[in-house]
Amino acid sequence: MRFQGILRGDQSAPLDAWIDLAIETGIPPIMRFARTLHRDIEAVRNAIELPWSNGQAEGQINRLKTLKRAMYGRAGPELLRARMLPLRHTD
């Protein structure tokens, strides 16, 4: 049972078995990853089973941070605001 297949599927039931197997591997990074998943199991189950995603919000945040880094030291918050907010049309 592959972790990637569980994430791409729509059923979270195999996740518990995968976590148990991963903890029993004896490989410290995999064991640590499995324990971390287990601590946040509800969020992981929701990500697998529910159709919603925060991808759009993450993309906008990434865009804002990229602009901010590109402008670092060159301008203040007003220029950043002008670059991020859409133009208002006045007729």
PDB file of N, CA and C in Angstrom:
ATOM      1  N   MET A   1       0.856  -1.168   0.000  1.00  0.00           N
ATOM      2  CA  MET A   1       0.000   0.000   0.000  1.00  0.00           C
ATOM      3  C   MET A   1       0.905   1.235   0.000  1.00  0.00           C
ATOM      4  N   ARG A   2       0.730   2.068  -1.008  1.00  0.00           N
ATOM      5  CA  ARG A   2       1.571   3.253  -1.152  1.00  0.00           C
ATOM      6  C   ARG A   2       0.851   4.472  -0.601  1.00  0.00           C
ATOM      7  N   PHE A   3       1.598   5.319   0.069  1.00  0.00           N
ATOM      8  CA  PHE A   3       1.039   6.538   0.652  1.00  0.00           C
ATOM      9  C   PHE A   3       0.470   7.443  -0.433  1.00  0.00           C
ATOM     10  N   GLN A   4       1.170   7.535  -1.545  1.00  0.00           N
ATOM     11  CA  GLN A   4       0.715   8.380  -2.649  1.00  0.00           C
ATOM     12  C   GLN A   4      -0.664   7.928  -3.145  1.00  0.00           C
ATOM     13  N   GLY A   5      -0.882   6.643  -3.247  1.00  0.00           N
ATOM     14  CA  GLY A   5      -2.172   6.121  -3.682  1.00  0.00           C
ATOM     15  C   GLY A   5      -3.287   6.455  -2.703  1.00  0.00           C
ATOM     16  N   ILE A   6      -2.976   6.426  -1.421  1.00  0.00           N
ATOM     17  CA  ILE A   6      -3.971   6.773  -0.401  1.00  0.00           C
ATOM     18  C   ILE A   6      -4.358   8.239  -0.537  1.00  0.00           C
ATOM     19  N   LEU A   7      -3.366   9.112  -0.724  1.00  0.00           N
ATOM     20  CA  LEU A   7      -3.655  10.542  -0.839  1.00  0.00           C
ATOM     21  C   LEU A   7      -4.448  10.877  -2.087  1.00  0.00           C
ATOM     22  N   ARG A   8      -4.193  10.175  -3.167  1.00  0.00           N
ATOM     23  CA  ARG A   8      -4.895  10.467  -4.423  1.00  0.00           C
ATOM     24  C   ARG A   8      -6.272   9.829  -4.490  1.00  0.00           C
ATOM     25  N   GLY A   9      -6.544   8.909  -3.597  1.00  0.00           N
ATOM     26  CA  GLY A   9      -7.849   8.266  -3.575  1.00  0.00           C
ATOM     27  C   GLY A   9      -8.869   9.142  -2.867  1.00  0.00           C
ATOM     28  N   ASP A  10     -10.040   8.574  -2.623  1.00  0.00           N
ATOM     29  CA  ASP A  10     -11.075   9.337  -1.928  1.00  0.00           C
ATOM     30  C   ASP A  10     -11.521   8.650  -0.639  1.00  0.00           C
ATOM     31  N   GLN A  11     -10.788   7.619  -0.223  1.00  0.00           N
ATOM     32  CA  GLN A  11     -11.092   6.909   1.013  1.00  0.00           C
ATOM     33  C   GLN A  11      -9.901   7.007   1.958  1.00  0.00           C
ATOM     34  N   SER A  12     -10.172   7.377   3.197  1.00  0.00           N
ATOM     35  CA  SER A  12      -9.076   7.508   4.161  1.00  0.00           C
ATOM     36  C   SER A  12      -8.900   6.262   5.028  1.00  0.00           C
ATOM     37  N   ALA A  13      -9.724   5.239   4.830  1.00  0.00           N
ATOM     38  CA  ALA A  13      -9.636   4.032   5.661  1.00  0.00           C
ATOM     39  C   ALA A  13      -8.254   3.371   5.617  1.00  0.00           C
ATOM     40  N   PRO A  14      -7.600   3.251   4.457  1.00  0.00           N
ATOM     41  CA  PRO A  14      -6.271   2.614   4.444  1.00  0.00           C
ATOM     42  C   PRO A  14      -5.192   3.433   5.160  1.00  0.00           C
ATOM     43  N   LEU A  15      -5.485   4.668   5.474  1.00  0.00           N
ATOM     44  CA  LEU A  15      -4.491   5.539   6.098  1.00  0.00           C
ATOM     45  C   LEU A  15      -4.034   5.010   7.456  1.00  0.00           C
ATOM     46  N   ASP A  16      -4.965   4.541   8.264  1.00  0.00           N
ATOM     47  CA  ASP A  16      -4.610   4.028   9.593  1.00  0.00           C
ATOM     48  C   ASP A  16      -3.659   2.836   9.491  1.00  0.00           C
ATOM     49  N   ALA A  17      -3.944   1.933   8.555  1.00  0.00           N
ATOM     50  CA  ALA A  17      -3.072   0.767   8.373  1.00  0.00           C
ATOM     51  C   ALA A  17      -1.693   1.209   7.897  1.00  0.00           C
ATOM     52  N   TRP A  18      -1.648   2.188   6.997  1.00  0.00           N
ATOM     53  CA  TRP A  18      -0.354   2.681   6.506  1.00  0.00           C
ATOM     54  C   TRP A  18       0.455   3.302   7.639  1.00  0.00           C
ATOM     55  N   ILE A  19      -0.197   4.085   8.486  1.00  0.00           N
ATOM     56  CA  ILE A  19       0.501   4.717   9.613  1.00  0.00           C
ATOM     57  C   ILE A  19       1.070   3.653  10.546  1.00  0.00           C
ATOM     58  N   ASP A  20       0.274   2.618  10.837  1.00  0.00           N
ATOM     59  CA  ASP A  20       0.762   1.534  11.706  1.00  0.00           C
ATOM     60  C   ASP A  20       1.976   0.839  11.093  1.00  0.00           C
ATOM     61  N   LEU A  21       1.908   0.538   9.795  1.00  0.00           N
ATOM     62  CA  LEU A  21       3.041  -0.107   9.119  1.00  0.00           C
ATOM     63  C   LEU A  21       4.270   0.797   9.107  1.00  0.00           C
ATOM     64  N   ALA A  22       4.054   2.084   8.881  1.00  0.00           N
ATOM     65  CA  ALA A  22       5.170   3.030   8.819  1.00  0.00           C
ATOM     66  C   ALA A  22       5.867   3.149  10.171  1.00  0.00           C
ATOM     67  N   ILE A  23       5.094   3.132  11.242  1.00  0.00           N
ATOM     68  CA  ILE A  23       5.686   3.227  12.580  1.00  0.00           C
ATOM     69  C   ILE A  23       6.501   1.972  12.902  1.00  0.00           C
ATOM     70  N   GLU A  24       6.077   0.829  12.357  1.00  0.00           N
ATOM     71  CA  GLU A  24       6.772  -0.435  12.621  1.00  0.00           C
ATOM     72  C   GLU A  24       7.996  -0.657  11.732  1.00  0.00           C
ATOM     73  N   THR A  25       8.259   0.229  10.770  1.00  0.00           N
ATOM     74  CA  THR A  25       9.386   0.018   9.850  1.00  0.00           C
ATOM     75  C   THR A  25      10.736   0.088  10.536  1.00  0.00           C
ATOM     76  N   GLY A  26      10.846   0.885  11.578  1.00  0.00           N
ATOM     77  CA  GLY A  26      12.136   1.070  12.229  1.00  0.00           C
ATOM     78  C   GLY A  26      13.003   2.109  11.550  1.00  0.00           C
ATOM     79  N   ILE A  27      12.480   2.755  10.500  1.00  0.00           N
ATOM     80  CA  ILE A  27      13.222   3.805   9.792  1.00  0.00           C
ATOM     81  C   ILE A  27      12.812   5.140  10.413  1.00  0.00           C
ATOM     82  N   PRO A  28      13.730   5.789  11.147  1.00  0.00           N
ATOM     83  CA  PRO A  28      13.359   6.979  11.922  1.00  0.00           C
ATOM     84  C   PRO A  28      12.625   8.085  11.149  1.00  0.00           C
ATOM     85  N   PRO A  29      13.051   8.491   9.944  1.00  0.00           N
ATOM     86  CA  PRO A  29      12.307   9.562   9.263  1.00  0.00           C
ATOM     87  C   PRO A  29      10.873   9.160   8.913  1.00  0.00           C
ATOM     88  N   ILE A  30      10.679   7.904   8.507  1.00  0.00           N
ATOM     89  CA  ILE A  30       9.331   7.439   8.170  1.00  0.00           C
ATOM     90  C   ILE A  30       8.486   7.330   9.430  1.00  0.00           C
ATOM     91  N   MET A  31       9.083   6.849  10.504  1.00  0.00           N
ATOM     92  CA  MET A  31       8.355   6.748  11.771  1.00  0.00           C
ATOM     93  C   MET A  31       7.926   8.128  12.261  1.00  0.00           C
ATOM     94  N   ARG A  32       8.820   9.095  12.149  1.00  0.00           N
ATOM     95  CA  ARG A  32       8.520  10.465  12.576  1.00  0.00           C
ATOM     96  C   ARG A  32       7.385  11.052  11.727  1.00  0.00           C
ATOM     97  N   PHE A  33       7.454  10.828  10.408  1.00  0.00           N
ATOM     98  CA  PHE A  33       6.409  11.304   9.506  1.00  0.00           C
ATOM     99  C   PHE A  33       5.060  10.680   9.865  1.00  0.00           C
ATOM    100  N   ALA A  34       5.045   9.385  10.124  1.00  0.00           N
ATOM    101  CA  ALA A  34       3.802   8.690  10.471  1.00  0.00           C
ATOM    102  C   ALA A  34       3.226   9.211  11.788  1.00  0.00           C
ATOM    103  N   ARG A  35       4.091   9.456  12.766  1.00  0.00           N
ATOM    104  CA  ARG A  35       3.599   9.995  14.045  1.00  0.00           C
ATOM    105  C   ARG A  35       3.022  11.396  13.862  1.00  0.00           C
ATOM    106  N   THR A  36       3.652  12.196  13.000  1.00  0.00           N
ATOM    107  CA  THR A  36       3.140  13.541  12.725  1.00  0.00           C
ATOM    108  C   THR A  36       1.774  13.461  12.056  1.00  0.00           C
ATOM    109  N   LEU A  37       1.624  12.552  11.094  1.00  0.00           N
ATOM    110  CA  LEU A  37       0.316  12.360  10.452  1.00  0.00           C
ATOM    111  C   LEU A  37      -0.731  11.949  11.481  1.00  0.00           C
ATOM    112  N   HIS A  38      -0.342  11.049  12.365  1.00  0.00           N
ATOM    113  CA  HIS A  38      -1.288  10.558  13.370  1.00  0.00           C
ATOM    114  C   HIS A  38      -1.756  11.680  14.303  1.00  0.00           C
ATOM    115  N   ARG A  39      -0.859  12.606  14.633  1.00  0.00           N
ATOM    116  CA  ARG A  39      -1.241  13.720  15.508  1.00  0.00           C
ATOM    117  C   ARG A  39      -2.280  14.625  14.848  1.00  0.00           C
ATOM    118  N   ASP A  40      -2.246  14.714  13.520  1.00  0.00           N
ATOM    119  CA  ASP A  40      -3.176  15.597  12.812  1.00  0.00           C
ATOM    120  C   ASP A  40      -4.076  14.781  11.884  1.00  0.00           C
ATOM    121  N   ILE A  41      -4.517  13.633  12.364  1.00  0.00           N
ATOM    122  CA  ILE A  41      -5.229  12.667  11.531  1.00  0.00           C
ATOM    123  C   ILE A  41      -6.535  13.215  10.953  1.00  0.00           C
ATOM    124  N   GLU A  42      -7.258  14.014  11.712  1.00  0.00           N
ATOM    125  CA  GLU A  42      -8.528  14.540  11.199  1.00  0.00           C
ATOM    126  C   GLU A  42      -8.316  15.446   9.995  1.00  0.00           C
ATOM    127  N   ALA A  43      -7.310  16.295  10.042  1.00  0.00           N
ATOM    128  CA  ALA A  43      -7.026  17.178   8.905  1.00  0.00           C
ATOM    129  C   ALA A  43      -6.602  16.368   7.687  1.00  0.00           C
ATOM    130  N   VAL A  44      -5.818  15.326   7.899  1.00  0.00           N
ATOM    131  CA  VAL A  44      -5.380  14.486   6.779  1.00  0.00           C
ATOM    132  C   VAL A  44      -6.571  13.748   6.183  1.00  0.00           C
ATOM    133  N   ARG A  45      -7.430  13.205   7.026  1.00  0.00           N
ATOM    134  CA  ARG A  45      -8.644  12.528   6.524  1.00  0.00           C
ATOM    135  C   ARG A  45      -9.515  13.493   5.725  1.00  0.00           C
ATOM    136  N   ASN A  46      -9.693  14.700   6.247  1.00  0.00           N
ATOM    137  CA  ASN A  46     -10.499  15.693   5.529  1.00  0.00           C
ATOM    138  C   ASN A  46      -9.889  16.026   4.177  1.00  0.00           C
ATOM    139  N   ALA A  47      -8.574  16.134   4.116  1.00  0.00           N
ATOM    140  CA  ALA A  47      -7.908  16.442   2.847  1.00  0.00           C
ATOM    141  C   ALA A  47      -8.131  15.330   1.823  1.00  0.00           C
ATOM    142  N   ILE A  48      -8.214  14.096   2.287  1.00  0.00           N
ATOM    143  CA  ILE A  48      -8.419  12.967   1.375  1.00  0.00           C
ATOM    144  C   ILE A  48      -9.879  12.870   0.943  1.00  0.00           C
ATOM    145  N   GLU A  49     -10.800  13.015   1.877  1.00  0.00           N
ATOM    146  CA  GLU A  49     -12.206  12.722   1.608  1.00  0.00           C
ATOM    147  C   GLU A  49     -13.016  13.899   1.080  1.00  0.00           C
ATOM    148  N   LEU A  50     -12.674  15.117   1.455  1.00  0.00           N
ATOM    149  CA  LEU A  50     -13.500  16.262   1.076  1.00  0.00           C
ATOM    150  C   LEU A  50     -13.023  16.884  -0.232  1.00  0.00           C
ATOM    151  N   PRO A  51     -13.954  17.447  -1.008  1.00  0.00           N
ATOM    152  CA  PRO A  51     -13.587  17.996  -2.323  1.00  0.00           C
ATOM    153  C   PRO A  51     -12.960  19.382  -2.268  1.00  0.00           C
ATOM    154  N   TRP A  52     -12.918  20.014  -1.115  1.00  0.00           N
ATOM    155  CA  TRP A  52     -12.429  21.385  -1.030  1.00  0.00           C
ATOM    156  C   TRP A  52     -10.918  21.432  -0.913  1.00  0.00           C
ATOM    157  N   SER A  53     -10.356  22.554  -1.367  1.00  0.00           N
ATOM    158  CA  SER A  53      -8.908  22.736  -1.318  1.00  0.00           C
ATOM    159  C   SER A  53      -8.607  24.189  -0.988  1.00  0.00           C
ATOM    160  N   ASN A  54      -7.482  24.437  -0.353  1.00  0.00           N
ATOM    161  CA  ASN A  54      -7.079  25.806  -0.071  1.00  0.00           C
ATOM    162  C   ASN A  54      -6.042  26.279  -1.091  1.00  0.00           C
ATOM    163  N   GLY A  55      -5.950  25.593  -2.207  1.00  0.00           N
ATOM    164  CA  GLY A  55      -4.964  25.910  -3.232  1.00  0.00           C
ATOM    165  C   GLY A  55      -5.056  27.331  -3.754  1.00  0.00           C
ATOM    166  N   GLN A  56      -6.265  27.839  -3.948  1.00  0.00           N
ATOM    167  CA  GLN A  56      -6.440  29.200  -4.465  1.00  0.00           C
ATOM    168  C   GLN A  56      -5.887  30.223  -3.475  1.00  0.00           C
ATOM    169  N   ALA A  57      -6.200  30.051  -2.209  1.00  0.00           N
ATOM    170  CA  ALA A  57      -5.694  30.982  -1.190  1.00  0.00           C
ATOM    171  C   ALA A  57      -4.173  30.883  -1.082  1.00  0.00           C
ATOM    172  N   GLU A  58      -3.638  29.664  -1.111  1.00  0.00           N
ATOM    173  CA  GLU A  58      -2.184  29.486  -1.033  1.00  0.00           C
ATOM    174  C   GLU A  58      -1.493  30.157  -2.215  1.00  0.00           C
ATOM    175  N   GLY A  59      -2.096  30.072  -3.392  1.00  0.00           N
ATOM    176  CA  GLY A  59      -1.521  30.711  -4.573  1.00  0.00           C
ATOM    177  C   GLY A  59      -1.468  32.220  -4.444  1.00  0.00           C
ATOM    178  N   GLN A  60      -2.536  32.811  -3.914  1.00  0.00           N
ATOM    179  CA  GLN A  60      -2.566  34.265  -3.736  1.00  0.00           C
ATOM    180  C   GLN A  60      -1.547  34.708  -2.685  1.00  0.00           C
ATOM    181  N   ILE A  61      -1.417  33.937  -1.621  1.00  0.00           N
ATOM    182  CA  ILE A  61      -0.435  34.266  -0.581  1.00  0.00           C
ATOM    183  C   ILE A  61       0.977  34.188  -1.161  1.00  0.00           C
ATOM    184  N   ASN A  62       1.240  33.159  -1.956  1.00  0.00           N
ATOM    185  CA  ASN A  62       2.552  33.013  -2.583  1.00  0.00           C
ATOM    186  C   ASN A  62       2.832  34.194  -3.514  1.00  0.00           C
ATOM    187  N   ARG A  63       1.829  34.615  -4.263  1.00  0.00           N
ATOM    188  CA  ARG A  63       1.983  35.760  -5.167  1.00  0.00           C
ATOM    189  C   ARG A  63       2.331  37.024  -4.385  1.00  0.00           C
ATOM    190  N   LEU A  64       1.632  37.263  -3.289  1.00  0.00           N
ATOM    191  CA  LEU A  64       1.886  38.435  -2.463  1.00  0.00           C
ATOM    192  C   LEU A  64       3.304  38.401  -1.884  1.00  0.00           C
ATOM    193  N   LYS A  65       3.716  37.249  -1.370  1.00  0.00           N
ATOM    194  CA  LYS A  65       5.053  37.141  -0.779  1.00  0.00           C
ATOM    195  C   LYS A  65       6.143  37.330  -1.830  1.00  0.00           C
ATOM    196  N   THR A  66       5.910  36.824  -3.040  1.00  0.00           N
ATOM    197  CA  THR A  66       6.891  36.995  -4.112  1.00  0.00           C
ATOM    198  C   THR A  66       7.044  38.462  -4.466  1.00  0.00           C
ATOM    199  N   LEU A  67       5.922  39.168  -4.599  1.00  0.00           N
ATOM    200  CA  LEU A  67       5.977  40.607  -4.879  1.00  0.00           C
ATOM    201  C   LEU A  67       6.685  41.354  -3.760  1.00  0.00           C
ATOM    202  N   LYS A  68       6.353  41.008  -2.531  1.00  0.00           N
ATOM    203  CA  LYS A  68       6.957  41.681  -1.381  1.00  0.00           C
ATOM    204  C   LYS A  68       8.472  41.481  -1.368  1.00  0.00           C
ATOM    205  N   ARG A  69       8.913  40.262  -1.652  1.00  0.00           N
ATOM    206  CA  ARG A  69      10.354  40.001  -1.672  1.00  0.00           C
ATOM    207  C   ARG A  69      11.039  40.753  -2.802  1.00  0.00           C
ATOM    208  N   ALA A  70      10.380  40.838  -3.958  1.00  0.00           N
ATOM    209  CA  ALA A  70      10.970  41.539  -5.100  1.00  0.00           C
ATOM    210  C   ALA A  70      11.103  43.031  -4.822  1.00  0.00           C
ATOM    211  N   MET A  71      10.201  43.568  -4.022  1.00  0.00           N
ATOM    212  CA  MET A  71      10.193  45.000  -3.739  1.00  0.00           C
ATOM    213  C   MET A  71      10.938  45.336  -2.450  1.00  0.00           C
ATOM    214  N   TYR A  72      11.502  44.357  -1.780  1.00  0.00           N
ATOM    215  CA  TYR A  72      12.132  44.569  -0.486  1.00  0.00           C
ATOM    216  C   TYR A  72      13.142  45.710  -0.543  1.00  0.00           C
ATOM    217  N   GLY A  73      12.988  46.660   0.345  1.00  0.00           N
ATOM    218  CA  GLY A  73      13.919  47.771   0.454  1.00  0.00           C
ATOM    219  C   GLY A  73      13.687  48.880  -0.545  1.00  0.00           C
ATOM    220  N   ARG A  74      12.769  48.706  -1.468  1.00  0.00           N
ATOM    221  CA  ARG A  74      12.566  49.712  -2.508  1.00  0.00           C
ATOM    222  C   ARG A  74      11.376  50.618  -2.242  1.00  0.00           C
ATOM    223  N   ALA A  75      10.409  50.120  -1.523  1.00  0.00           N
ATOM    224  CA  ALA A  75       9.190  50.903  -1.365  1.00  0.00           C
ATOM    225  C   ALA A  75       8.484  50.522  -0.076  1.00  0.00           C
ATOM    226  N   GLY A  76       7.537  51.326   0.282  1.00  0.00           N
ATOM    227  CA  GLY A  76       6.777  51.082   1.491  1.00  0.00           C
ATOM    228  C   GLY A  76       5.474  50.357   1.208  1.00  0.00           C
ATOM    229  N   PRO A  77       4.620  50.295   2.207  1.00  0.00           N
ATOM    230  CA  PRO A  77       3.354  49.572   2.081  1.00  0.00           C
ATOM    231  C   PRO A  77       2.413  50.165   1.032  1.00  0.00           C
ATOM    232  N   GLU A  78       2.521  51.457   0.772  1.00  0.00           N
ATOM    233  CA  GLU A  78       1.616  52.064  -0.213  1.00  0.00           C
ATOM    234  C   GLU A  78       1.855  51.509  -1.614  1.00  0.00           C
ATOM    235  N   LEU A  79       3.116  51.370  -1.995  1.00  0.00           N
ATOM    236  CA  LEU A  79       3.412  50.820  -3.317  1.00  0.00           C
ATOM    237  C   LEU A  79       3.000  49.351  -3.388  1.00  0.00           C
ATOM    238  N   LEU A  80       3.228  48.613  -2.322  1.00  0.00           N
ATOM    239  CA  LEU A  80       2.809  47.216  -2.293  1.00  0.00           C
ATOM    240  C   LEU A  80       1.295  47.115  -2.446  1.00  0.00           C
ATOM    241  N   ARG A  81       0.576  47.959  -1.745  1.00  0.00           N
ATOM    242  CA  ARG A  81      -0.883  47.978  -1.838  1.00  0.00           C
ATOM    243  C   ARG A  81      -1.315  48.301  -3.267  1.00  0.00           C
ATOM    244  N   ALA A  82      -0.651  49.268  -3.893  1.00  0.00           N
ATOM    245  CA  ALA A  82      -0.996  49.647  -5.266  1.00  0.00           C
ATOM    246  C   ALA A  82      -0.731  48.502  -6.242  1.00  0.00           C
ATOM    247  N   ARG A  83       0.305  47.718  -5.986  1.00  0.00           N
ATOM    248  CA  ARG A  83       0.616  46.600  -6.874  1.00  0.00           C
ATOM    249  C   ARG A  83      -0.350  45.439  -6.683  1.00  0.00           C
ATOM    250  N   MET A  84      -0.884  45.276  -5.474  1.00  0.00           N
ATOM    251  CA  MET A  84      -1.719  44.115  -5.184  1.00  0.00           C
ATOM    252  C   MET A  84      -3.197  44.331  -5.444  1.00  0.00           C
ATOM    253  N   LEU A  85      -3.700  45.508  -5.171  1.00  0.00           N
ATOM    254  CA  LEU A  85      -5.133  45.746  -5.318  1.00  0.00           C
ATOM    255  C   LEU A  85      -5.464  46.036  -6.776  1.00  0.00           C
ATOM    256  N   PRO A  86      -6.593  45.551  -7.242  1.00  0.00           N
ATOM    257  CA  PRO A  86      -6.973  45.821  -8.632  1.00  0.00           C
ATOM    258  C   PRO A  86      -7.262  47.307  -8.835  1.00  0.00           C
ATOM    259  N   LEU A  87      -7.084  47.744 -10.057  1.00  0.00           N
ATOM    260  CA  LEU A  87      -7.360  49.144 -10.375  1.00  0.00           C
ATOM    261  C   LEU A  87      -8.856  49.398 -10.321  1.00  0.00           C
ATOM    262  N   ARG A  88      -9.213  50.547  -9.829  1.00  0.00           N
ATOM    263  CA  ARG A  88     -10.627  50.928  -9.797  1.00  0.00           C
ATOM    264  C   ARG A  88     -10.904  51.815 -10.998  1.00  0.00           C
ATOM    265  N   HIS A  89     -11.908  51.442 -11.746  1.00  0.00           N
ATOM    266  CA  HIS A  89     -12.273  52.219 -12.929  1.00  0.00           C
ATOM    267  C   HIS A  89     -13.279  53.285 -12.532  1.00  0.00           C
ATOM    268  N   THR A  90     -13.015  54.497 -12.916  1.00  0.00           N
ATOM    269  CA  THR A  90     -13.962  55.585 -12.656  1.00  0.00           C
ATOM    270  C   THR A  90     -14.483  56.068 -13.993  1.00  0.00           C
ATOM    271  N   ASP A  91     -15.772  56.016 -14.149  1.00  0.00           N
ATOM    272  CA  ASP A  91     -16.393  56.455 -15.406  1.00  0.00           C
ATOM    273  C   ASP A  91     -17.078  57.774 -15.221  1.00  0.00           C
TER     274      ASP A  91
END
